[in-house]
Amino acid sequence: MMPSNKGADELIVRDIAVQRHEADADQFVRWYGEMAQSRFANAFAYGRHKVDVLLDVELRELKPGAQVLDVGCGTGEYIRRVQQRGLVGSGVEPAEAMRKVAIEKNPGSVILDGIATKLPFADSSFDLVICIEVLRYLHRNDGRLALREIRRVLRPDGILFLTMVNKYALDGFYLHHRLQRAFGSDTVSVAVPHCEFVTPREVAREVRTAGFSSSVNRGVLFGPMRILYKVSTPLARGFARWFEPVDDAICAIPATTAFAGHLVTIARR
């Protein structure tokens, strides 16, 4: 799992990630609002819905009152989702603007200022930890620390639900990111933050090294739909409604996991 910026240290990469999410809070509120109307509304909604389908499978397995932690909870959408299922949702979010929205949206929930590498919770506190689109923004070493911290706060046999970015996804994001680096500054910035591109095999290895007993990888969002949404949102919305069953059928084939837009890893402590 090599970092995309040689020499960028963990602290700089982490601070830039927080700044980026501080700036993006309003955008996430809009995206989730549009997603509530239609999962085809935008590229974010289309891809995130597919992640949510897999997450819901894990949530349904939990007993009422089970404790769930969302690491990098953003605007608190997943805490609300957890609470609606009769579970107890908590969150950690370092970006103040995001955290403020999450607290307003989930009154009474424990939502703390904190980072993935040093979770402000006791050992064996949670039955499930959600970590969606978080570790991709962190330096490789911080990602490893975060995985160990997540394992620490999970109860025996607890579950981690993690997403990362496939290096060889067909949407070409890896190539796009490399070109941004090649023709821009070679340092991370709020405009172009660090992104940790991985392969399923690399994630499986990192999860095992962190002490998890088992893991399984799933790929979702196989087709380059995000590119089409950038070209024409109305066209993409129409195409996505037709293409979705095909996309899902392709993603059900294990050999396609490494080429999907989202890499989902479900690991057991």
C-alpha atoms as a PDB file:
ATOM      1  CA  MET A   1       0.000   0.000   0.000  1.00  0.00           C
ATOM      2  CA  MET A   2       2.299   2.750  -1.208  1.00  0.00           C
ATOM      3  CA  PRO A   3       1.476   6.410  -0.580  1.00  0.00           C
ATOM      4  CA  SER A   4       0.910   8.541  -3.660  1.00  0.00           C
ATOM      5  CA  ASN A   5       3.145  11.351  -2.383  1.00  0.00           C
ATOM      6  CA  LYS A   6       6.729  10.377  -1.670  1.00  0.00           C
ATOM      7  CA  GLY A   7       8.013  12.008   1.504  1.00  0.00           C
ATOM      8  CA  ALA A   8       4.629  13.319   2.676  1.00  0.00           C
ATOM      9  CA  ASP A   9       4.523  12.545   6.378  1.00  0.00           C
ATOM     10  CA  GLU A  10       1.560  11.252   8.317  1.00  0.00           C
ATOM     11  CA  LEU A  11       0.720  14.502  10.099  1.00  0.00           C
ATOM     12  CA  ILE A  12       0.575  16.616   6.940  1.00  0.00           C
ATOM     13  CA  VAL A  13      -1.554  14.070   5.110  1.00  0.00           C
ATOM     14  CA  ARG A  14      -3.896  13.780   8.103  1.00  0.00           C
ATOM     15  CA  ASP A  15      -4.285  17.540   8.529  1.00  0.00           C
ATOM     16  CA  ILE A  16      -5.036  18.024   4.837  1.00  0.00           C
ATOM     17  CA  ALA A  17      -7.700  15.298   5.016  1.00  0.00           C
ATOM     18  CA  VAL A  18      -9.409  17.086   7.909  1.00  0.00           C
ATOM     19  CA  GLN A  19      -9.248  20.435   6.094  1.00  0.00           C
ATOM     20  CA  ARG A  20     -10.749  18.877   2.974  1.00  0.00           C
ATOM     21  CA  HIS A  21     -13.685  17.454   4.897  1.00  0.00           C
ATOM     22  CA  GLU A  22     -14.140  20.700   6.778  1.00  0.00           C
ATOM     23  CA  ALA A  23     -14.579  22.414   3.412  1.00  0.00           C
ATOM     24  CA  ASP A  24     -16.853  19.683   2.025  1.00  0.00           C
ATOM     25  CA  ALA A  25     -19.456  19.578   4.815  1.00  0.00           C
ATOM     26  CA  ASP A  26     -22.132  21.523   2.911  1.00  0.00           C
ATOM     27  CA  GLN A  27     -21.551  19.438  -0.197  1.00  0.00           C
ATOM     28  CA  PHE A  28     -22.095  16.197   1.714  1.00  0.00           C
ATOM     29  CA  VAL A  29     -25.316  17.590   3.170  1.00  0.00           C
ATOM     30  CA  ARG A  30     -26.504  18.319  -0.384  1.00  0.00           C
ATOM     31  CA  TRP A  31     -25.435  14.928  -1.699  1.00  0.00           C
ATOM     32  CA  TYR A  32     -27.227  13.043   1.053  1.00  0.00           C
ATOM     33  CA  GLY A  33     -30.301  15.222   0.554  1.00  0.00           C
ATOM     34  CA  GLU A  34     -30.368  14.339  -3.137  1.00  0.00           C
ATOM     35  CA  MET A  35     -29.685  10.694  -2.339  1.00  0.00           C
ATOM     36  CA  ALA A  36     -32.759  10.626  -0.083  1.00  0.00           C
ATOM     37  CA  GLN A  37     -34.825  11.521  -3.164  1.00  0.00           C
ATOM     38  CA  SER A  38     -33.156   9.077  -5.565  1.00  0.00           C
ATOM     39  CA  ARG A  39     -30.117   6.798  -5.508  1.00  0.00           C
ATOM     40  CA  PHE A  40     -29.550   7.822  -9.139  1.00  0.00           C
ATOM     41  CA  ALA A  41     -29.418  11.553  -8.319  1.00  0.00           C
ATOM     42  CA  ASN A  42     -25.638  11.889  -8.556  1.00  0.00           C
ATOM     43  CA  ALA A  43     -22.474   9.818  -8.761  1.00  0.00           C
ATOM     44  CA  PHE A  44     -22.028   9.878  -4.995  1.00  0.00           C
ATOM     45  CA  ALA A  45     -25.543   8.548  -4.398  1.00  0.00           C
ATOM     46  CA  TYR A  46     -25.242   5.805  -7.005  1.00  0.00           C
ATOM     47  CA  GLY A  47     -22.001   4.430  -5.587  1.00  0.00           C
ATOM     48  CA  ARG A  48     -22.794   4.956  -1.917  1.00  0.00           C
ATOM     49  CA  HIS A  49     -26.125   3.135  -2.225  1.00  0.00           C
ATOM     50  CA  LYS A  50     -24.267   0.017  -3.319  1.00  0.00           C
ATOM     51  CA  VAL A  51     -22.014   0.240  -0.268  1.00  0.00           C
ATOM     52  CA  ASP A  52     -25.086   0.724   1.919  1.00  0.00           C
ATOM     53  CA  VAL A  53     -26.703  -2.466   0.609  1.00  0.00           C
ATOM     54  CA  LEU A  54     -23.732  -4.472   1.905  1.00  0.00           C
ATOM     55  CA  LEU A  55     -23.660  -2.569   5.189  1.00  0.00           C
ATOM     56  CA  ASP A  56     -27.341  -3.267   5.793  1.00  0.00           C
ATOM     57  CA  VAL A  57     -26.620  -6.996   5.614  1.00  0.00           C
ATOM     58  CA  GLU A  58     -24.211  -6.622   8.544  1.00  0.00           C
ATOM     59  CA  LEU A  59     -26.549  -4.352  10.514  1.00  0.00           C
ATOM     60  CA  ARG A  60     -29.391  -6.855  10.225  1.00  0.00           C
ATOM     61  CA  GLU A  61     -27.216  -9.487  11.911  1.00  0.00           C
ATOM     62  CA  LEU A  62     -26.825  -7.378  15.066  1.00  0.00           C
ATOM     63  CA  LYS A  63     -29.105  -7.741  18.078  1.00  0.00           C
ATOM     64  CA  PRO A  64     -31.206  -4.754  19.206  1.00  0.00           C
ATOM     65  CA  GLY A  65     -29.132  -2.442  21.355  1.00  0.00           C
ATOM     66  CA  ALA A  66     -25.823  -3.504  19.791  1.00  0.00           C
ATOM     67  CA  GLN A  67     -23.124  -0.837  19.858  1.00  0.00           C
ATOM     68  CA  VAL A  68     -21.934   0.558  16.509  1.00  0.00           C
ATOM     69  CA  LEU A  69     -19.135   3.080  15.977  1.00  0.00           C
ATOM     70  CA  ASP A  70     -18.761   5.149  12.809  1.00  0.00           C
ATOM     71  CA  VAL A  71     -15.125   6.218  12.443  1.00  0.00           C
ATOM     72  CA  GLY A  72     -14.999   9.417  10.420  1.00  0.00           C
ATOM     73  CA  CYS A  73     -18.762   9.756  10.756  1.00  0.00           C
ATOM     74  CA  GLY A  74     -18.956  12.946   8.671  1.00  0.00           C
ATOM     75  CA  THR A  75     -22.435  14.461   8.776  1.00  0.00           C
ATOM     76  CA  GLY A  76     -23.824  11.543  10.792  1.00  0.00           C
ATOM     77  CA  GLU A  77     -25.900   9.763   8.165  1.00  0.00           C
ATOM     78  CA  TYR A  78     -24.769   6.307   9.235  1.00  0.00           C
ATOM     79  CA  ILE A  79     -25.347   7.016  12.908  1.00  0.00           C
ATOM     80  CA  ARG A  80     -28.927   7.894  12.030  1.00  0.00           C
ATOM     81  CA  ARG A  81     -29.199   4.741   9.920  1.00  0.00           C
ATOM     82  CA  VAL A  82     -27.939   2.667  12.840  1.00  0.00           C
ATOM     83  CA  GLN A  83     -30.322   4.283  15.323  1.00  0.00           C
ATOM     84  CA  GLN A  84     -33.311   3.668  13.057  1.00  0.00           C
ATOM     85  CA  ARG A  85     -32.547  -0.057  13.246  1.00  0.00           C
ATOM     86  CA  GLY A  86     -32.752  -0.103  17.038  1.00  0.00           C
ATOM     87  CA  LEU A  87     -28.979  -0.105  17.481  1.00  0.00           C
ATOM     88  CA  VAL A  88     -26.820   2.346  19.434  1.00  0.00           C
ATOM     89  CA  GLY A  89     -24.728   4.528  17.167  1.00  0.00           C
ATOM     90  CA  SER A  90     -21.663   6.553  18.149  1.00  0.00           C
ATOM     91  CA  GLY A  91     -19.239   8.540  16.043  1.00  0.00           C
ATOM     92  CA  VAL A  92     -15.795  10.064  15.794  1.00  0.00           C
ATOM     93  CA  GLU A  93     -15.180  12.990  13.440  1.00  0.00           C
ATOM     94  CA  PRO A  94     -12.207  15.420  13.429  1.00  0.00           C
ATOM     95  CA  ALA A  95     -13.718  17.981  11.010  1.00  0.00           C
ATOM     96  CA  GLU A  96     -15.691  20.441  13.122  1.00  0.00           C
ATOM     97  CA  ALA A  97     -18.179  21.449  10.412  1.00  0.00           C
ATOM     98  CA  MET A  98     -19.013  17.809   9.710  1.00  0.00           C
ATOM     99  CA  ARG A  99     -19.224  16.955  13.405  1.00  0.00           C
ATOM    100  CA  LYS A 100     -21.594  19.845  14.095  1.00  0.00           C
ATOM    101  CA  VAL A 101     -24.059  18.567  11.480  1.00  0.00           C
ATOM    102  CA  ALA A 102     -23.767  15.020  12.836  1.00  0.00           C
ATOM    103  CA  ILE A 103     -24.559  16.152  16.390  1.00  0.00           C
ATOM    104  CA  GLU A 104     -27.548  18.221  15.254  1.00  0.00           C
ATOM    105  CA  LYS A 105     -28.847  15.286  13.222  1.00  0.00           C
ATOM    106  CA  ASN A 106     -28.405  12.754  16.052  1.00  0.00           C
ATOM    107  CA  PRO A 107     -29.295  14.386  19.387  1.00  0.00           C
ATOM    108  CA  GLY A 108     -28.278  12.255  22.335  1.00  0.00           C
ATOM    109  CA  SER A 109     -25.734  10.180  20.401  1.00  0.00           C
ATOM    110  CA  VAL A 110     -22.095  10.130  21.479  1.00  0.00           C
ATOM    111  CA  ILE A 111     -20.216  11.933  18.704  1.00  0.00           C
ATOM    112  CA  LEU A 112     -16.704  12.954  19.635  1.00  0.00           C
ATOM    113  CA  ASP A 113     -13.825  14.931  18.179  1.00  0.00           C
ATOM    114  CA  GLY A 114     -11.188  12.357  17.408  1.00  0.00           C
ATOM    115  CA  ILE A 115      -9.080  10.588  14.802  1.00  0.00           C
ATOM    116  CA  ALA A 116      -8.958   7.027  13.543  1.00  0.00           C
ATOM    117  CA  THR A 117      -5.439   6.486  14.857  1.00  0.00           C
ATOM    118  CA  LYS A 118      -6.421   7.248  18.466  1.00  0.00           C
ATOM    119  CA  LEU A 119     -10.051   6.389  19.122  1.00  0.00           C
ATOM    120  CA  PRO A 120     -11.467   7.932  22.328  1.00  0.00           C
ATOM    121  CA  PHE A 121     -13.171   4.734  23.488  1.00  0.00           C
ATOM    122  CA  ALA A 122     -12.296   1.855  25.784  1.00  0.00           C
ATOM    123  CA  ASP A 123     -11.214  -1.588  24.638  1.00  0.00           C
ATOM    124  CA  SER A 124     -13.940  -3.970  23.454  1.00  0.00           C
ATOM    125  CA  SER A 125     -16.685  -1.311  23.349  1.00  0.00           C
ATOM    126  CA  PHE A 126     -18.383  -2.038  20.013  1.00  0.00           C
ATOM    127  CA  ASP A 127     -20.019  -4.867  18.107  1.00  0.00           C
ATOM    128  CA  LEU A 128     -19.484  -3.244  14.698  1.00  0.00           C
ATOM    129  CA  VAL A 129     -17.188  -0.473  13.467  1.00  0.00           C
ATOM    130  CA  ILE A 130     -17.986   1.361  10.234  1.00  0.00           C
ATOM    131  CA  CYS A 131     -15.098   3.037   8.417  1.00  0.00           C
ATOM    132  CA  ILE A 132     -16.318   4.312   5.050  1.00  0.00           C
ATOM    133  CA  GLU A 133     -14.076   6.418   2.795  1.00  0.00           C
ATOM    134  CA  VAL A 134     -11.737   7.328   5.664  1.00  0.00           C
ATOM    135  CA  LEU A 135      -8.489   5.359   5.496  1.00  0.00           C
ATOM    136  CA  ARG A 136      -8.110   6.239   1.813  1.00  0.00           C
ATOM    137  CA  TYR A 137      -7.205   9.787   2.913  1.00  0.00           C
ATOM    138  CA  LEU A 138      -4.533   8.669   5.371  1.00  0.00           C
ATOM    139  CA  HIS A 139      -0.864   7.837   4.969  1.00  0.00           C
ATOM    140  CA  ARG A 140      -0.112   4.114   4.876  1.00  0.00           C
ATOM    141  CA  ASN A 141       1.334   4.122   8.398  1.00  0.00           C
ATOM    142  CA  ASP A 142      -1.696   5.931   9.828  1.00  0.00           C
ATOM    143  CA  GLY A 143      -3.949   3.439   8.091  1.00  0.00           C
ATOM    144  CA  ARG A 144      -2.177   0.614   9.876  1.00  0.00           C
ATOM    145  CA  LEU A 145      -2.478   2.379  13.228  1.00  0.00           C
ATOM    146  CA  ALA A 146      -6.182   2.946  12.570  1.00  0.00           C
ATOM    147  CA  LEU A 147      -6.804  -0.727  11.835  1.00  0.00           C
ATOM    148  CA  ARG A 148      -5.161  -1.694  15.135  1.00  0.00           C
ATOM    149  CA  GLU A 149      -7.213   0.914  16.988  1.00  0.00           C
ATOM    150  CA  ILE A 150     -10.418  -0.331  15.396  1.00  0.00           C
ATOM    151  CA  ARG A 151      -9.598  -3.883  16.423  1.00  0.00           C
ATOM    152  CA  ARG A 152      -8.890  -2.663  19.966  1.00  0.00           C
ATOM    153  CA  VAL A 153     -12.339  -1.086  20.413  1.00  0.00           C
ATOM    154  CA  LEU A 154     -14.171  -4.049  18.857  1.00  0.00           C
ATOM    155  CA  ARG A 155     -15.540  -6.765  21.072  1.00  0.00           C
ATOM    156  CA  PRO A 156     -14.416 -10.364  20.492  1.00  0.00           C
ATOM    157  CA  ASP A 157     -15.950 -11.558  17.227  1.00  0.00           C
ATOM    158  CA  GLY A 158     -16.867  -7.937  16.366  1.00  0.00           C
ATOM    159  CA  ILE A 159     -17.046  -6.777  12.749  1.00  0.00           C
ATOM    160  CA  LEU A 160     -15.222  -4.076  10.792  1.00  0.00           C
ATOM    161  CA  PHE A 161     -16.948  -2.672   7.707  1.00  0.00           C
ATOM    162  CA  LEU A 162     -14.277  -0.844   5.692  1.00  0.00           C
ATOM    163  CA  THR A 163     -14.087   0.776   2.266  1.00  0.00           C
ATOM    164  CA  MET A 164     -10.974   1.662   0.280  1.00  0.00           C
ATOM    165  CA  VAL A 165     -10.160   2.710  -3.311  1.00  0.00           C
ATOM    166  CA  ASN A 166      -9.174   0.050  -5.813  1.00  0.00           C
ATOM    167  CA  LYS A 167      -5.963   0.904  -7.633  1.00  0.00           C
ATOM    168  CA  TYR A 168      -7.198  -0.681 -10.854  1.00  0.00           C
ATOM    169  CA  ALA A 169     -10.817   0.494 -10.785  1.00  0.00           C
ATOM    170  CA  LEU A 170     -12.253   0.900 -14.277  1.00  0.00           C
ATOM    171  CA  ASP A 171     -13.303   4.474 -13.564  1.00  0.00           C
ATOM    172  CA  GLY A 172      -9.657   5.489 -14.017  1.00  0.00           C
ATOM    173  CA  PHE A 173      -9.418   7.405 -10.742  1.00  0.00           C
ATOM    174  CA  TYR A 174      -5.876   6.170 -10.089  1.00  0.00           C
ATOM    175  CA  LEU A 175      -4.672   7.452 -13.472  1.00  0.00           C
ATOM    176  CA  HIS A 176      -6.525  10.736 -12.955  1.00  0.00           C
ATOM    177  CA  HIS A 177      -4.892  11.199  -9.563  1.00  0.00           C
ATOM    178  CA  ARG A 178      -1.432  10.422 -10.943  1.00  0.00           C
ATOM    179  CA  LEU A 179      -1.902  12.965 -13.744  1.00  0.00           C
ATOM    180  CA  GLN A 180      -2.926  15.604 -11.210  1.00  0.00           C
ATOM    181  CA  ARG A 181       0.308  14.935  -9.369  1.00  0.00           C
ATOM    182  CA  ALA A 182       2.380  14.893 -12.556  1.00  0.00           C
ATOM    183  CA  PHE A 183       1.112  18.257 -13.787  1.00  0.00           C
ATOM    184  CA  GLY A 184       0.646  19.946 -10.430  1.00  0.00           C
ATOM    185  CA  SER A 185       2.438  20.183  -7.124  1.00  0.00           C
ATOM    186  CA  ASP A 186       3.980  16.985  -5.772  1.00  0.00           C
ATOM    187  CA  THR A 187       2.659  17.796  -2.296  1.00  0.00           C
ATOM    188  CA  VAL A 188      -0.765  17.101  -0.875  1.00  0.00           C
ATOM    189  CA  SER A 189      -3.273  19.938  -0.790  1.00  0.00           C
ATOM    190  CA  VAL A 190      -6.924  20.515   0.087  1.00  0.00           C
ATOM    191  CA  ALA A 191      -7.695  20.545  -3.645  1.00  0.00           C
ATOM    192  CA  VAL A 192      -5.835  17.270  -4.250  1.00  0.00           C
ATOM    193  CA  PRO A 193      -5.533  15.370  -0.958  1.00  0.00           C
ATOM    194  CA  HIS A 194      -3.625  12.162  -0.491  1.00  0.00           C
ATOM    195  CA  CYS A 195      -5.376   9.024  -1.721  1.00  0.00           C
ATOM    196  CA  GLU A 196      -4.214   5.552  -0.726  1.00  0.00           C
ATOM    197  CA  PHE A 197      -4.853   3.241  -3.681  1.00  0.00           C
ATOM    198  CA  VAL A 198      -4.873  -0.464  -2.885  1.00  0.00           C
ATOM    199  CA  THR A 199      -5.544  -3.927  -4.223  1.00  0.00           C
ATOM    200  CA  PRO A 200      -7.808  -6.458  -2.474  1.00  0.00           C
ATOM    201  CA  ARG A 201      -4.777  -8.596  -1.649  1.00  0.00           C
ATOM    202  CA  GLU A 202      -3.040  -5.663   0.039  1.00  0.00           C
ATOM    203  CA  VAL A 203      -6.058  -4.853   2.172  1.00  0.00           C
ATOM    204  CA  ALA A 204      -6.441  -8.485   3.206  1.00  0.00           C
ATOM    205  CA  ARG A 205      -2.793  -8.534   4.265  1.00  0.00           C
ATOM    206  CA  GLU A 206      -3.074  -5.290   6.261  1.00  0.00           C
ATOM    207  CA  VAL A 207      -6.214  -6.509   8.023  1.00  0.00           C
ATOM    208  CA  ARG A 208      -4.548  -9.780   9.016  1.00  0.00           C
ATOM    209  CA  THR A 209      -1.440  -7.934  10.212  1.00  0.00           C
ATOM    210  CA  ALA A 210      -3.658  -5.724  12.405  1.00  0.00           C
ATOM    211  CA  GLY A 211      -4.875  -8.875  14.152  1.00  0.00           C
ATOM    212  CA  PHE A 212      -8.253  -9.587  12.553  1.00  0.00           C
ATOM    213  CA  SER A 213      -9.043 -13.285  12.308  1.00  0.00           C
ATOM    214  CA  SER A 214     -10.724 -13.250   8.897  1.00  0.00           C
ATOM    215  CA  SER A 215     -11.884 -10.945   6.136  1.00  0.00           C
ATOM    216  CA  VAL A 216     -13.727 -10.960   2.834  1.00  0.00           C
ATOM    217  CA  ASN A 217     -13.511  -8.406   0.010  1.00  0.00           C
ATOM    218  CA  ARG A 218     -16.376  -7.264  -2.177  1.00  0.00           C
ATOM    219  CA  GLY A 219     -16.328  -4.858  -5.105  1.00  0.00           C
ATOM    220  CA  VAL A 220     -19.223  -2.554  -5.970  1.00  0.00           C
ATOM    221  CA  LEU A 221     -19.719   0.032  -8.711  1.00  0.00           C
ATOM    222  CA  PHE A 222     -17.975  -1.858 -11.507  1.00  0.00           C
ATOM    223  CA  GLY A 223     -18.862   0.314 -14.454  1.00  0.00           C
ATOM    224  CA  PRO A 224     -17.281   3.771 -14.967  1.00  0.00           C
ATOM    225  CA  MET A 225     -20.512   5.510 -13.980  1.00  0.00           C
ATOM    226  CA  ARG A 226     -18.729   8.345 -12.204  1.00  0.00           C
ATOM    227  CA  ILE A 227     -17.213   9.406 -15.511  1.00  0.00           C
ATOM    228  CA  LEU A 228     -20.631   9.447 -17.170  1.00  0.00           C
ATOM    229  CA  TYR A 229     -22.083  11.527 -14.320  1.00  0.00           C
ATOM    230  CA  LYS A 230     -19.320  14.092 -14.888  1.00  0.00           C
ATOM    231  CA  VAL A 231     -20.094  14.206 -18.606  1.00  0.00           C
ATOM    232  CA  SER A 232     -23.877  14.554 -18.217  1.00  0.00           C
ATOM    233  CA  THR A 233     -25.844  14.018 -15.021  1.00  0.00           C
ATOM    234  CA  PRO A 234     -29.257  13.695 -16.754  1.00  0.00           C
ATOM    235  CA  LEU A 235     -27.837  11.162 -19.206  1.00  0.00           C
ATOM    236  CA  ALA A 236     -26.145   9.232 -16.394  1.00  0.00           C
ATOM    237  CA  ARG A 237     -29.342   9.098 -14.349  1.00  0.00           C
ATOM    238  CA  GLY A 238     -31.244   7.508 -17.207  1.00  0.00           C
ATOM    239  CA  PHE A 239     -28.463   5.102 -18.090  1.00  0.00           C
ATOM    240  CA  ALA A 240     -27.892   4.097 -14.467  1.00  0.00           C
ATOM    241  CA  ARG A 241     -31.489   2.941 -14.051  1.00  0.00           C
ATOM    242  CA  TRP A 242     -31.007   0.542 -16.964  1.00  0.00           C
ATOM    243  CA  PHE A 243     -27.430  -0.425 -16.185  1.00  0.00           C
ATOM    244  CA  GLU A 244     -27.738  -1.052 -12.440  1.00  0.00           C
ATOM    245  CA  PRO A 245     -28.858  -4.727 -12.625  1.00  0.00           C
ATOM    246  CA  VAL A 246     -26.010  -5.430 -15.053  1.00  0.00           C
ATOM    247  CA  ASP A 247     -23.536  -3.611 -12.816  1.00  0.00           C
ATOM    248  CA  ASP A 248     -24.660  -5.582  -9.765  1.00  0.00           C
ATOM    249  CA  ALA A 249     -24.479  -8.890 -11.627  1.00  0.00           C
ATOM    250  CA  ILE A 250     -20.912  -8.166 -12.729  1.00  0.00           C
ATOM    251  CA  CYS A 251     -19.898  -7.189  -9.189  1.00  0.00           C
ATOM    252  CA  ALA A 252     -21.238 -10.490  -7.884  1.00  0.00           C
ATOM    253  CA  ILE A 253     -18.421 -12.223  -9.804  1.00  0.00           C
ATOM    254  CA  PRO A 254     -15.396 -12.439  -7.439  1.00  0.00           C
ATOM    255  CA  ALA A 255     -12.906 -11.941 -10.291  1.00  0.00           C
ATOM    256  CA  THR A 256     -14.185  -8.382 -10.802  1.00  0.00           C
ATOM    257  CA  THR A 257     -13.574  -7.210  -7.219  1.00  0.00           C
ATOM    258  CA  ALA A 258     -10.221  -5.562  -7.963  1.00  0.00           C
ATOM    259  CA  PHE A 259     -11.721  -3.433 -10.756  1.00  0.00           C
ATOM    260  CA  ALA A 260     -14.741  -1.976  -8.959  1.00  0.00           C
ATOM    261  CA  GLY A 261     -14.965   1.640  -7.902  1.00  0.00           C
ATOM    262  CA  HIS A 262     -15.468   0.790  -4.222  1.00  0.00           C
ATOM    263  CA  LEU A 263     -13.559  -1.968  -2.441  1.00  0.00           C
ATOM    264  CA  VAL A 264     -15.509  -3.162   0.604  1.00  0.00           C
ATOM    265  CA  THR A 265     -13.767  -5.269   3.238  1.00  0.00           C
ATOM    266  CA  ILE A 266     -15.691  -7.012   6.002  1.00  0.00           C
ATOM    267  CA  ALA A 267     -13.359  -8.291   8.715  1.00  0.00           C
ATOM    268  CA  ARG A 268     -13.932 -10.156  11.952  1.00  0.00           C
ATOM    269  CA  ARG A 269     -11.910  -9.514  15.117  1.00  0.00           C
END
